[in-house]
Amino acid sequence: MPKFRKRPVEIDAHQWFRNGDHPADGPADGEGDVVRYFRHPKYRGTETHDLCGRVWHEHGWIDTLEGGHTVCPGDWILTGVQGERYPCKPDIFEATYEAVG
């Protein structure tokens, strides 16, 4: 089977911990433009997210080309080559990306 390597591409990335952390979000006391408040009728704000152990109230939500995704505190928000944004877990980010310059 043929193998392929990802082309080196520079991206913008910002680590997210709470509303307002992304530079394009606006003030922290309002709804973000990139990472919005997490809202889901199934999960109350005080319940714990199994993946990261934080309460749902501390999470965000981001719309991507593939649909919406939950953003856990500490996730990186990447901006791709065509301006698309998506979350990335810290361990995947560290294994995949390195600082430029």
PDB file of N, CA and C in Angstrom:
ATOM      1  N   MET A   1       0.847  -1.174   0.000  1.00  0.00           N
ATOM      2  CA  MET A   1       0.000   0.000   0.000  1.00  0.00           C
ATOM      3  C   MET A   1       0.896   1.242   0.000  1.00  0.00           C
ATOM      4  N   PRO A   2       0.582   2.245  -0.833  1.00  0.00           N
ATOM      5  CA  PRO A   2       1.410   3.458  -0.868  1.00  0.00           C
ATOM      6  C   PRO A   2       1.315   4.235   0.446  1.00  0.00           C
ATOM      7  N   LYS A   3       2.407   4.903   0.801  1.00  0.00           N
ATOM      8  CA  LYS A   3       2.435   5.730   2.002  1.00  0.00           C
ATOM      9  C   LYS A   3       2.546   7.190   1.603  1.00  0.00           C
ATOM     10  N   PHE A   4       2.013   8.046   2.440  1.00  0.00           N
ATOM     11  CA  PHE A   4       2.040   9.479   2.182  1.00  0.00           C
ATOM     12  C   PHE A   4       2.488  10.209   3.443  1.00  0.00           C
ATOM     13  N   ARG A   5       3.109  11.377   3.250  1.00  0.00           N
ATOM     14  CA  ARG A   5       3.540  12.220   4.357  1.00  0.00           C
ATOM     15  C   ARG A   5       2.789  13.545   4.257  1.00  0.00           C
ATOM     16  N   LYS A   6       2.383  14.067   5.407  1.00  0.00           N
ATOM     17  CA  LYS A   6       1.704  15.359   5.434  1.00  0.00           C
ATOM     18  C   LYS A   6       2.696  16.455   5.062  1.00  0.00           C
ATOM     19  N   ARG A   7       2.289  17.355   4.187  1.00  0.00           N
ATOM     20  CA  ARG A   7       3.141  18.475   3.804  1.00  0.00           C
ATOM     21  C   ARG A   7       3.321  19.416   4.993  1.00  0.00           C
ATOM     22  N   PRO A   8       4.506  19.990   5.137  1.00  0.00           N
ATOM     23  CA  PRO A   8       4.681  20.944   6.232  1.00  0.00           C
ATOM     24  C   PRO A   8       3.881  22.217   5.952  1.00  0.00           C
ATOM     25  N   VAL A   9       2.994  22.543   6.856  1.00  0.00           N
ATOM     26  CA  VAL A   9       2.136  23.716   6.719  1.00  0.00           C
ATOM     27  C   VAL A   9       2.138  24.452   8.047  1.00  0.00           C
ATOM     28  N   GLU A  10       2.297  25.759   8.005  1.00  0.00           N
ATOM     29  CA  GLU A  10       2.220  26.549   9.225  1.00  0.00           C
ATOM     30  C   GLU A  10       0.767  26.885   9.504  1.00  0.00           C
ATOM     31  N   ILE A  11       0.375  26.771  10.782  1.00  0.00           N
ATOM     32  CA  ILE A  11      -0.986  27.071  11.200  1.00  0.00           C
ATOM     33  C   ILE A  11      -0.945  28.031  12.382  1.00  0.00           C
ATOM     34  N   ASP A  12      -2.066  28.660  12.659  1.00  0.00           N
ATOM     35  CA  ASP A  12      -2.235  29.431  13.887  1.00  0.00           C
ATOM     36  C   ASP A  12      -2.875  28.511  14.907  1.00  0.00           C
ATOM     37  N   ALA A  13      -2.424  28.601  16.156  1.00  0.00           N
ATOM     38  CA  ALA A  13      -2.993  27.766  17.222  1.00  0.00           C
ATOM     39  C   ALA A  13      -3.020  28.565  18.515  1.00  0.00           C
ATOM     40  N   HIS A  14      -4.115  28.428  19.244  1.00  0.00           N
ATOM     41  CA  HIS A  14      -4.289  29.111  20.522  1.00  0.00           C
ATOM     42  C   HIS A  14      -4.875  28.114  21.510  1.00  0.00           C
ATOM     43  N   GLN A  15      -4.255  28.003  22.677  1.00  0.00           N
ATOM     44  CA  GLN A  15      -4.778  27.072  23.678  1.00  0.00           C
ATOM     45  C   GLN A  15      -5.955  27.731  24.391  1.00  0.00           C
ATOM     46  N   TRP A  16      -7.020  26.950  24.579  1.00  0.00           N
ATOM     47  CA  TRP A  16      -8.277  27.443  25.144  1.00  0.00           C
ATOM     48  C   TRP A  16      -8.488  26.853  26.530  1.00  0.00           C
ATOM     49  N   PHE A  17      -8.805  27.711  27.493  1.00  0.00           N
ATOM     50  CA  PHE A  17      -9.133  27.254  28.842  1.00  0.00           C
ATOM     51  C   PHE A  17     -10.496  27.759  29.299  1.00  0.00           C
ATOM     52  N   ARG A  18     -10.918  28.899  28.757  1.00  0.00           N
ATOM     53  CA  ARG A  18     -12.213  29.471  29.145  1.00  0.00           C
ATOM     54  C   ARG A  18     -12.647  30.468  28.073  1.00  0.00           C
ATOM     55  N   ASN A  19     -13.899  30.869  28.180  1.00  0.00           N
ATOM     56  CA  ASN A  19     -14.464  31.800  27.212  1.00  0.00           C
ATOM     57  C   ASN A  19     -13.608  33.063  27.122  1.00  0.00           C
ATOM     58  N   GLY A  20     -13.323  33.466  25.893  1.00  0.00           N
ATOM     59  CA  GLY A  20     -12.532  34.660  25.647  1.00  0.00           C
ATOM     60  C   GLY A  20     -11.058  34.393  25.417  1.00  0.00           C
ATOM     61  N   ASP A  21     -10.595  33.140  25.546  1.00  0.00           N
ATOM     62  CA  ASP A  21      -9.178  32.834  25.349  1.00  0.00           C
ATOM     63  C   ASP A  21      -8.729  32.944  23.892  1.00  0.00           C
ATOM     64  N   HIS A  22      -9.598  32.653  22.945  1.00  0.00           N
ATOM     65  CA  HIS A  22      -9.211  32.769  21.533  1.00  0.00           C
ATOM     66  C   HIS A  22      -9.245  34.244  21.143  1.00  0.00           C
ATOM     67  N   PRO A  23      -8.219  34.738  20.455  1.00  0.00           N
ATOM     68  CA  PRO A  23      -8.158  36.165  20.130  1.00  0.00           C
ATOM     69  C   PRO A  23      -9.350  36.676  19.310  1.00  0.00           C
ATOM     70  N   ALA A  24     -10.012  35.798  18.570  1.00  0.00           N
ATOM     71  CA  ALA A  24     -11.161  36.231  17.766  1.00  0.00           C
ATOM     72  C   ALA A  24     -12.490  36.081  18.506  1.00  0.00           C
ATOM     73  N   ASP A  25     -12.447  35.679  19.778  1.00  0.00           N
ATOM     74  CA  ASP A  25     -13.679  35.453  20.537  1.00  0.00           C
ATOM     75  C   ASP A  25     -14.338  36.716  21.051  1.00  0.00           C
ATOM     76  N   GLY A  26     -13.612  37.748  21.289  1.00  0.00           N
ATOM     77  CA  GLY A  26     -14.189  38.927  21.914  1.00  0.00           C
ATOM     78  C   GLY A  26     -14.026  38.845  23.422  1.00  0.00           C
ATOM     79  N   PRO A  27     -14.737  39.708  24.165  1.00  0.00           N
ATOM     80  CA  PRO A  27     -14.557  39.755  25.617  1.00  0.00           C
ATOM     81  C   PRO A  27     -14.992  38.461  26.307  1.00  0.00           C
ATOM     82  N   ALA A  28     -14.321  38.142  27.427  1.00  0.00           N
ATOM     83  CA  ALA A  28     -14.571  36.892  28.154  1.00  0.00           C
ATOM     84  C   ALA A  28     -15.934  36.852  28.830  1.00  0.00           C
ATOM     85  N   ASP A  29     -16.581  37.987  28.985  1.00  0.00           N
ATOM     86  CA  ASP A  29     -17.863  38.007  29.687  1.00  0.00           C
ATOM     87  C   ASP A  29     -19.056  37.796  28.751  1.00  0.00           C
ATOM     88  N   GLY A  30     -18.798  37.476  27.492  1.00  0.00           N
ATOM     89  CA  GLY A  30     -19.878  37.236  26.534  1.00  0.00           C
ATOM     90  C   GLY A  30     -19.648  35.970  25.730  1.00  0.00           C
ATOM     91  N   GLU A  31     -20.603  35.660  24.879  1.00  0.00           N
ATOM     92  CA  GLU A  31     -20.518  34.487  24.003  1.00  0.00           C
ATOM     93  C   GLU A  31     -19.357  34.667  23.033  1.00  0.00           C
ATOM     94  N   GLY A  32     -18.518  33.643  22.890  1.00  0.00           N
ATOM     95  CA  GLY A  32     -17.389  33.730  21.971  1.00  0.00           C
ATOM     96  C   GLY A  32     -17.839  33.622  20.517  1.00  0.00           C
ATOM     97  N   ASP A  33     -17.068  34.220  19.624  1.00  0.00           N
ATOM     98  CA  ASP A  33     -17.358  34.113  18.190  1.00  0.00           C
ATOM     99  C   ASP A  33     -16.786  32.822  17.607  1.00  0.00           C
ATOM    100  N   VAL A  34     -15.715  32.298  18.193  1.00  0.00           N
ATOM    101  CA  VAL A  34     -15.084  31.069  17.713  1.00  0.00           C
ATOM    102  C   VAL A  34     -15.494  29.897  18.598  1.00  0.00           C
ATOM    103  N   VAL A  35     -15.195  29.988  19.889  1.00  0.00           N
ATOM    104  CA  VAL A  35     -15.597  28.954  20.843  1.00  0.00           C
ATOM    105  C   VAL A  35     -16.759  29.507  21.655  1.00  0.00           C
ATOM    106  N   ARG A  36     -17.925  28.904  21.472  1.00  0.00           N
ATOM    107  CA  ARG A  36     -19.133  29.362  22.161  1.00  0.00           C
ATOM    108  C   ARG A  36     -19.329  28.579  23.452  1.00  0.00           C
ATOM    109  N   TYR A  37     -20.299  29.004  24.247  1.00  0.00           N
ATOM    110  CA  TYR A  37     -20.653  28.255  25.454  1.00  0.00           C
ATOM    111  C   TYR A  37     -21.145  26.870  25.060  1.00  0.00           C
ATOM    112  N   PHE A  38     -20.818  25.873  25.876  1.00  0.00           N
ATOM    113  CA  PHE A  38     -21.321  24.526  25.649  1.00  0.00           C
ATOM    114  C   PHE A  38     -22.735  24.441  26.194  1.00  0.00           C
ATOM    115  N   ARG A  39     -23.668  24.028  25.336  1.00  0.00           N
ATOM    116  CA  ARG A  39     -25.057  23.845  25.752  1.00  0.00           C
ATOM    117  C   ARG A  39     -25.564  22.542  25.153  1.00  0.00           C
ATOM    118  N   HIS A  40     -26.102  21.682  25.995  1.00  0.00           N
ATOM    119  CA  HIS A  40     -26.672  20.437  25.508  1.00  0.00           C
ATOM    120  C   HIS A  40     -27.707  19.979  26.527  1.00  0.00           C
ATOM    121  N   PRO A  41     -28.915  19.663  26.068  1.00  0.00           N
ATOM    122  CA  PRO A  41     -29.958  19.278  27.021  1.00  0.00           C
ATOM    123  C   PRO A  41     -29.636  17.995  27.794  1.00  0.00           C
ATOM    124  N   LYS A  42     -28.773  17.149  27.244  1.00  0.00           N
ATOM    125  CA  LYS A  42     -28.428  15.888  27.898  1.00  0.00           C
ATOM    126  C   LYS A  42     -27.456  16.090  29.070  1.00  0.00           C
ATOM    127  N   TYR A  43     -26.615  17.118  29.002  1.00  0.00           N
ATOM    128  CA  TYR A  43     -25.572  17.324  30.004  1.00  0.00           C
ATOM    129  C   TYR A  43     -25.831  18.606  30.782  1.00  0.00           C
ATOM    130  N   ARG A  44     -26.032  18.461  32.077  1.00  0.00           N
ATOM    131  CA  ARG A  44     -26.182  19.640  32.928  1.00  0.00           C
ATOM    132  C   ARG A  44     -24.792  20.180  33.240  1.00  0.00           C
ATOM    133  N   GLY A  45     -24.699  21.451  33.511  1.00  0.00           N
ATOM    134  CA  GLY A  45     -23.413  22.110  33.721  1.00  0.00           C
ATOM    135  C   GLY A  45     -22.584  21.561  34.859  1.00  0.00           C
ATOM    136  N   THR A  46     -23.215  20.922  35.852  1.00  0.00           N
ATOM    137  CA  THR A  46     -22.478  20.444  37.020  1.00  0.00           C
ATOM    138  C   THR A  46     -21.999  19.002  36.878  1.00  0.00           C
ATOM    139  N   GLU A  47     -22.406  18.302  35.820  1.00  0.00           N
ATOM    140  CA  GLU A  47     -21.968  16.927  35.608  1.00  0.00           C
ATOM    141  C   GLU A  47     -20.559  16.921  35.008  1.00  0.00           C
ATOM    142  N   THR A  48     -19.833  15.847  35.225  1.00  0.00           N
ATOM    143  CA  THR A  48     -18.441  15.737  34.794  1.00  0.00           C
ATOM    144  C   THR A  48     -18.334  15.062  33.426  1.00  0.00           C
ATOM    145  N   HIS A  49     -17.482  15.618  32.589  1.00  0.00           N
ATOM    146  CA  HIS A  49     -17.173  15.048  31.276  1.00  0.00           C
ATOM    147  C   HIS A  49     -16.218  13.875  31.484  1.00  0.00           C
ATOM    148  N   ASP A  50     -16.586  12.701  31.001  1.00  0.00           N
ATOM    149  CA  ASP A  50     -15.779  11.496  31.208  1.00  0.00           C
ATOM    150  C   ASP A  50     -14.379  11.608  30.614  1.00  0.00           C
ATOM    151  N   LEU A  51     -14.231  12.313  29.512  1.00  0.00           N
ATOM    152  CA  LEU A  51     -12.945  12.383  28.813  1.00  0.00           C
ATOM    153  C   LEU A  51     -11.887  13.180  29.582  1.00  0.00           C
ATOM    154  N   CYS A  52     -12.276  14.320  30.129  1.00  0.00           N
ATOM    155  CA  CYS A  52     -11.270  15.183  30.762  1.00  0.00           C
ATOM    156  C   CYS A  52     -11.470  15.369  32.266  1.00  0.00           C
ATOM    157  N   GLY A  53     -12.618  14.967  32.791  1.00  0.00           N
ATOM    158  CA  GLY A  53     -12.867  15.075  34.220  1.00  0.00           C
ATOM    159  C   GLY A  53     -13.325  16.437  34.701  1.00  0.00           C
ATOM    160  N   ARG A  54     -13.540  17.378  33.787  1.00  0.00           N
ATOM    161  CA  ARG A  54     -14.009  18.718  34.157  1.00  0.00           C
ATOM    162  C   ARG A  54     -15.524  18.774  34.037  1.00  0.00           C
ATOM    163  N   VAL A  55     -16.168  19.697  34.753  1.00  0.00           N
ATOM    164  CA  VAL A  55     -17.617  19.835  34.661  1.00  0.00           C
ATOM    165  C   VAL A  55     -17.979  20.435  33.303  1.00  0.00           C
ATOM    166  N   TRP A  56     -19.147  20.076  32.787  1.00  0.00           N
ATOM    167  CA  TRP A  56     -19.574  20.515  31.457  1.00  0.00           C
ATOM    168  C   TRP A  56     -19.657  22.034  31.347  1.00  0.00           C
ATOM    169  N   HIS A  57     -19.940  22.699  32.462  1.00  0.00           N
ATOM    170  CA  HIS A  57     -20.067  24.154  32.449  1.00  0.00           C
ATOM    171  C   HIS A  57     -18.759  24.834  32.016  1.00  0.00           C
ATOM    172  N   GLU A  58     -17.622  24.161  32.177  1.00  0.00           N
ATOM    173  CA  GLU A  58     -16.319  24.734  31.833  1.00  0.00           C
ATOM    174  C   GLU A  58     -15.918  24.483  30.375  1.00  0.00           C
ATOM    175  N   HIS A  59     -16.769  23.818  29.604  1.00  0.00           N
ATOM    176  CA  HIS A  59     -16.446  23.454  28.223  1.00  0.00           C
ATOM    177  C   HIS A  59     -16.978  24.484  27.226  1.00  0.00           C
ATOM    178  N   GLY A  60     -16.448  24.388  26.024  1.00  0.00           N
ATOM    179  CA  GLY A  60     -16.906  25.229  24.930  1.00  0.00           C
ATOM    180  C   GLY A  60     -17.399  24.373  23.780  1.00  0.00           C
ATOM    181  N   TRP A  61     -17.887  25.031  22.748  1.00  0.00           N
ATOM    182  CA  TRP A  61     -18.406  24.372  21.551  1.00  0.00           C
ATOM    183  C   TRP A  61     -17.895  25.125  20.339  1.00  0.00           C
ATOM    184  N   ILE A  62     -17.422  24.396  19.336  1.00  0.00           N
ATOM    185  CA  ILE A  62     -16.919  25.025  18.121  1.00  0.00           C
ATOM    186  C   ILE A  62     -17.547  24.345  16.911  1.00  0.00           C
ATOM    187  N   ASP A  63     -17.946  25.151  15.938  1.00  0.00           N
ATOM    188  CA  ASP A  63     -18.459  24.619  14.673  1.00  0.00           C
ATOM    189  C   ASP A  63     -17.283  24.398  13.742  1.00  0.00           C
ATOM    190  N   THR A  64     -17.215  23.200  13.135  1.00  0.00           N
ATOM    191  CA  THR A  64     -16.151  22.877  12.196  1.00  0.00           C
ATOM    192  C   THR A  64     -16.774  22.468  10.869  1.00  0.00           C
ATOM    193  N   LEU A  65     -15.937  22.203   9.886  1.00  0.00           N
ATOM    194  CA  LEU A  65     -16.442  21.754   8.590  1.00  0.00           C
ATOM    195  C   LEU A  65     -17.139  20.400   8.698  1.00  0.00           C
ATOM    196  N   GLU A  66     -16.754  19.605   9.701  1.00  0.00           N
ATOM    197  CA  GLU A  66     -17.348  18.274   9.892  1.00  0.00           C
ATOM    198  C   GLU A  66     -18.540  18.306  10.848  1.00  0.00           C
ATOM    199  N   GLY A  67     -18.889  19.459  11.382  1.00  0.00           N
ATOM    200  CA  GLY A  67     -19.963  19.589  12.362  1.00  0.00           C
ATOM    201  C   GLY A  67     -19.411  20.178  13.642  1.00  0.00           C
ATOM    202  N   GLY A  68     -20.226  20.210  14.690  1.00  0.00           N
ATOM    203  CA  GLY A  68     -19.806  20.813  15.941  1.00  0.00           C
ATOM    204  C   GLY A  68     -19.000  19.863  16.802  1.00  0.00           C
ATOM    205  N   HIS A  69     -18.111  20.440  17.626  1.00  0.00           N
ATOM    206  CA  HIS A  69     -17.265  19.655  18.527  1.00  0.00           C
ATOM    207  C   HIS A  69     -17.187  20.322  19.893  1.00  0.00           C
ATOM    208  N   THR A  70     -17.116  19.496  20.921  1.00  0.00           N
ATOM    209  CA  THR A  70     -16.881  19.977  22.271  1.00  0.00           C
ATOM    210  C   THR A  70     -15.429  20.405  22.409  1.00  0.00           C
ATOM    211  N   VAL A  71     -15.197  21.495  23.136  1.00  0.00           N
ATOM    212  CA  VAL A  71     -13.840  21.959  23.426  1.00  0.00           C
ATOM    213  C   VAL A  71     -13.623  21.833  24.921  1.00  0.00           C
ATOM    214  N   CYS A  72     -12.665  20.999  25.316  1.00  0.00           N
ATOM    215  CA  CYS A  72     -12.315  20.839  26.724  1.00  0.00           C
ATOM    216  C   CYS A  72     -11.301  21.915  27.108  1.00  0.00           C
ATOM    217  N   PRO A  73     -11.295  22.356  28.374  1.00  0.00           N
ATOM    218  CA  PRO A  73     -10.250  23.276  28.807  1.00  0.00           C
ATOM    219  C   PRO A  73      -8.872  22.655  28.544  1.00  0.00           C
ATOM    220  N   GLY A  74      -7.992  23.425  27.925  1.00  0.00           N
ATOM    221  CA  GLY A  74      -6.650  22.943  27.578  1.00  0.00           C
ATOM    222  C   GLY A  74      -6.514  22.521  26.133  1.00  0.00           C
ATOM    223  N   ASP A  75      -7.627  22.315  25.418  1.00  0.00           N
ATOM    224  CA  ASP A  75      -7.557  21.976  23.996  1.00  0.00           C
ATOM    225  C   ASP A  75      -6.971  23.149  23.213  1.00  0.00           C
ATOM    226  N   TRP A  76      -6.345  22.832  22.112  1.00  0.00           N
ATOM    227  CA  TRP A  76      -5.838  23.851  21.193  1.00  0.00           C
ATOM    228  C   TRP A  76      -6.883  24.095  20.117  1.00  0.00           C
ATOM    229  N   ILE A  77      -7.060  25.351  19.731  1.00  0.00           N
ATOM    230  CA  ILE A  77      -7.935  25.708  18.615  1.00  0.00           C
ATOM    231  C   ILE A  77      -7.019  26.043  17.446  1.00  0.00           C
ATOM    232  N   LEU A  78      -7.092  25.221  16.406  1.00  0.00           N
ATOM    233  CA  LEU A  78      -6.231  25.386  15.232  1.00  0.00           C
ATOM    234  C   LEU A  78      -6.993  26.088  14.122  1.00  0.00           C
ATOM    235  N   THR A  79      -6.292  26.909  13.380  1.00  0.00           N
ATOM    236  CA  THR A  79      -6.849  27.535  12.186  1.00  0.00           C
ATOM    237  C   THR A  79      -6.101  26.960  11.004  1.00  0.00           C
ATOM    238  N   GLY A  80      -6.818  26.247  10.139  1.00  0.00           N
ATOM    239  CA  GLY A  80      -6.210  25.567   9.011  1.00  0.00           C
ATOM    240  C   GLY A  80      -5.854  26.490   7.868  1.00  0.00           C
ATOM    241  N   VAL A  81      -5.341  25.907   6.799  1.00  0.00           N
ATOM    242  CA  VAL A  81      -4.838  26.673   5.657  1.00  0.00           C
ATOM    243  C   VAL A  81      -5.934  27.435   4.917  1.00  0.00           C
ATOM    244  N   GLN A  82      -7.189  27.026   5.067  1.00  0.00           N
ATOM    245  CA  GLN A  82      -8.288  27.723   4.403  1.00  0.00           C
ATOM    246  C   GLN A  82      -9.138  28.514   5.392  1.00  0.00           C
ATOM    247  N   GLY A  83      -8.597  28.758   6.600  1.00  0.00           N
ATOM    248  CA  GLY A  83      -9.300  29.543   7.599  1.00  0.00           C
ATOM    249  C   GLY A  83     -10.257  28.745   8.469  1.00  0.00           C
ATOM    250  N   GLU A  84     -10.351  27.446   8.238  1.00  0.00           N
ATOM    251  CA  GLU A  84     -11.230  26.601   9.043  1.00  0.00           C
ATOM    252  C   GLU A  84     -10.638  26.438  10.440  1.00  0.00           C
ATOM    253  N   ARG A  85     -11.503  26.289  11.430  1.00  0.00           N
ATOM    254  CA  ARG A  85     -11.047  26.138  12.814  1.00  0.00           C
ATOM    255  C   ARG A  85     -11.544  24.824  13.374  1.00  0.00           C
ATOM    256  N   TYR A  86     -10.713  24.213  14.219  1.00  0.00           N
ATOM    257  CA  TYR A  86     -11.092  22.949  14.827  1.00  0.00           C
ATOM    258  C   TYR A  86     -10.267  22.734  16.087  1.00  0.00           C
ATOM    259  N   PRO A  87     -10.800  21.933  17.051  1.00  0.00           N
ATOM    260  CA  PRO A  87     -10.064  21.670  18.283  1.00  0.00           C
ATOM    261  C   PRO A  87      -9.082  20.518  18.127  1.00  0.00           C
ATOM    262  N   CYS A  88      -8.061  20.526  18.966  1.00  0.00           N
ATOM    263  CA  CYS A  88      -7.059  19.460  18.979  1.00  0.00           C
ATOM    264  C   CYS A  88      -6.658  19.209  20.425  1.00  0.00           C
ATOM    265  N   LYS A  89      -6.657  17.951  20.845  1.00  0.00           N
ATOM    266  CA  LYS A  89      -6.264  17.589  22.202  1.00  0.00           C
ATOM    267  C   LYS A  89      -4.780  17.904  22.413  1.00  0.00           C
ATOM    268  N   PRO A  90      -4.394  18.306  23.628  1.00  0.00           N
ATOM    269  CA  PRO A  90      -3.002  18.698  23.881  1.00  0.00           C
ATOM    270  C   PRO A  90      -1.969  17.632  23.531  1.00  0.00           C
ATOM    271  N   ASP A  91      -2.244  16.363  23.804  1.00  0.00           N
ATOM    272  CA  ASP A  91      -1.253  15.321  23.497  1.00  0.00           C
ATOM    273  C   ASP A  91      -1.069  15.141  21.997  1.00  0.00           C
ATOM    274  N   ILE A  92      -2.146  15.235  21.233  1.00  0.00           N
ATOM    275  CA  ILE A  92      -2.055  15.140  19.769  1.00  0.00           C
ATOM    276  C   ILE A  92      -1.325  16.364  19.216  1.00  0.00           C
ATOM    277  N   PHE A  93      -1.642  17.536  19.766  1.00  0.00           N
ATOM    278  CA  PHE A  93      -0.985  18.769  19.323  1.00  0.00           C
ATOM    279  C   PHE A  93       0.526  18.671  19.541  1.00  0.00           C
ATOM    280  N   GLU A  94       0.931  18.232  20.729  1.00  0.00           N
ATOM    281  CA  GLU A  94       2.355  18.133  21.055  1.00  0.00           C
ATOM    282  C   GLU A  94       3.078  17.136  20.151  1.00  0.00           C
ATOM    283  N   ALA A  95       2.406  16.032  19.796  1.00  0.00           N
ATOM    284  CA  ALA A  95       3.023  15.009  18.952  1.00  0.00           C
ATOM    285  C   ALA A  95       3.070  15.419  17.482  1.00  0.00           C
ATOM    286  N   THR A  96       2.226  16.363  17.083  1.00  0.00           N
ATOM    287  CA  THR A  96       2.073  16.704  15.665  1.00  0.00           C
ATOM    288  C   THR A  96       2.710  18.012  15.273  1.00  0.00           C
ATOM    289  N   TYR A  97       2.734  18.983  16.171  1.00  0.00           N
ATOM    290  CA  TYR A  97       3.168  20.344  15.820  1.00  0.00           C
ATOM    291  C   TYR A  97       4.382  20.764  16.632  1.00  0.00           C
ATOM    292  N   GLU A  98       5.172  21.657  16.053  1.00  0.00           N
ATOM    293  CA  GLU A  98       6.273  22.289  16.765  1.00  0.00           C
ATOM    294  C   GLU A  98       6.243  23.777  16.477  1.00  0.00           C
ATOM    295  N   ALA A  99       6.790  24.558  17.393  1.00  0.00           N
ATOM    296  CA  ALA A  99       6.781  26.016  17.236  1.00  0.00           C
ATOM    297  C   ALA A  99       7.656  26.412  16.035  1.00  0.00           C
ATOM    298  N   VAL A 100       7.240  27.474  15.374  1.00  0.00           N
ATOM    299  CA  VAL A 100       7.994  28.008  14.229  1.00  0.00           C
ATOM    300  C   VAL A 100       8.714  29.257  14.699  1.00  0.00           C
ATOM    301  N   GLY A 101      10.007  29.307  14.427  1.00  0.00           N
ATOM    302  CA  GLY A 101      10.786  30.507  14.746  1.00  0.00           C
ATOM    303  C   GLY A 101      11.081  30.709  16.161  1.00  0.00           C
TER     304      GLY A 101
END
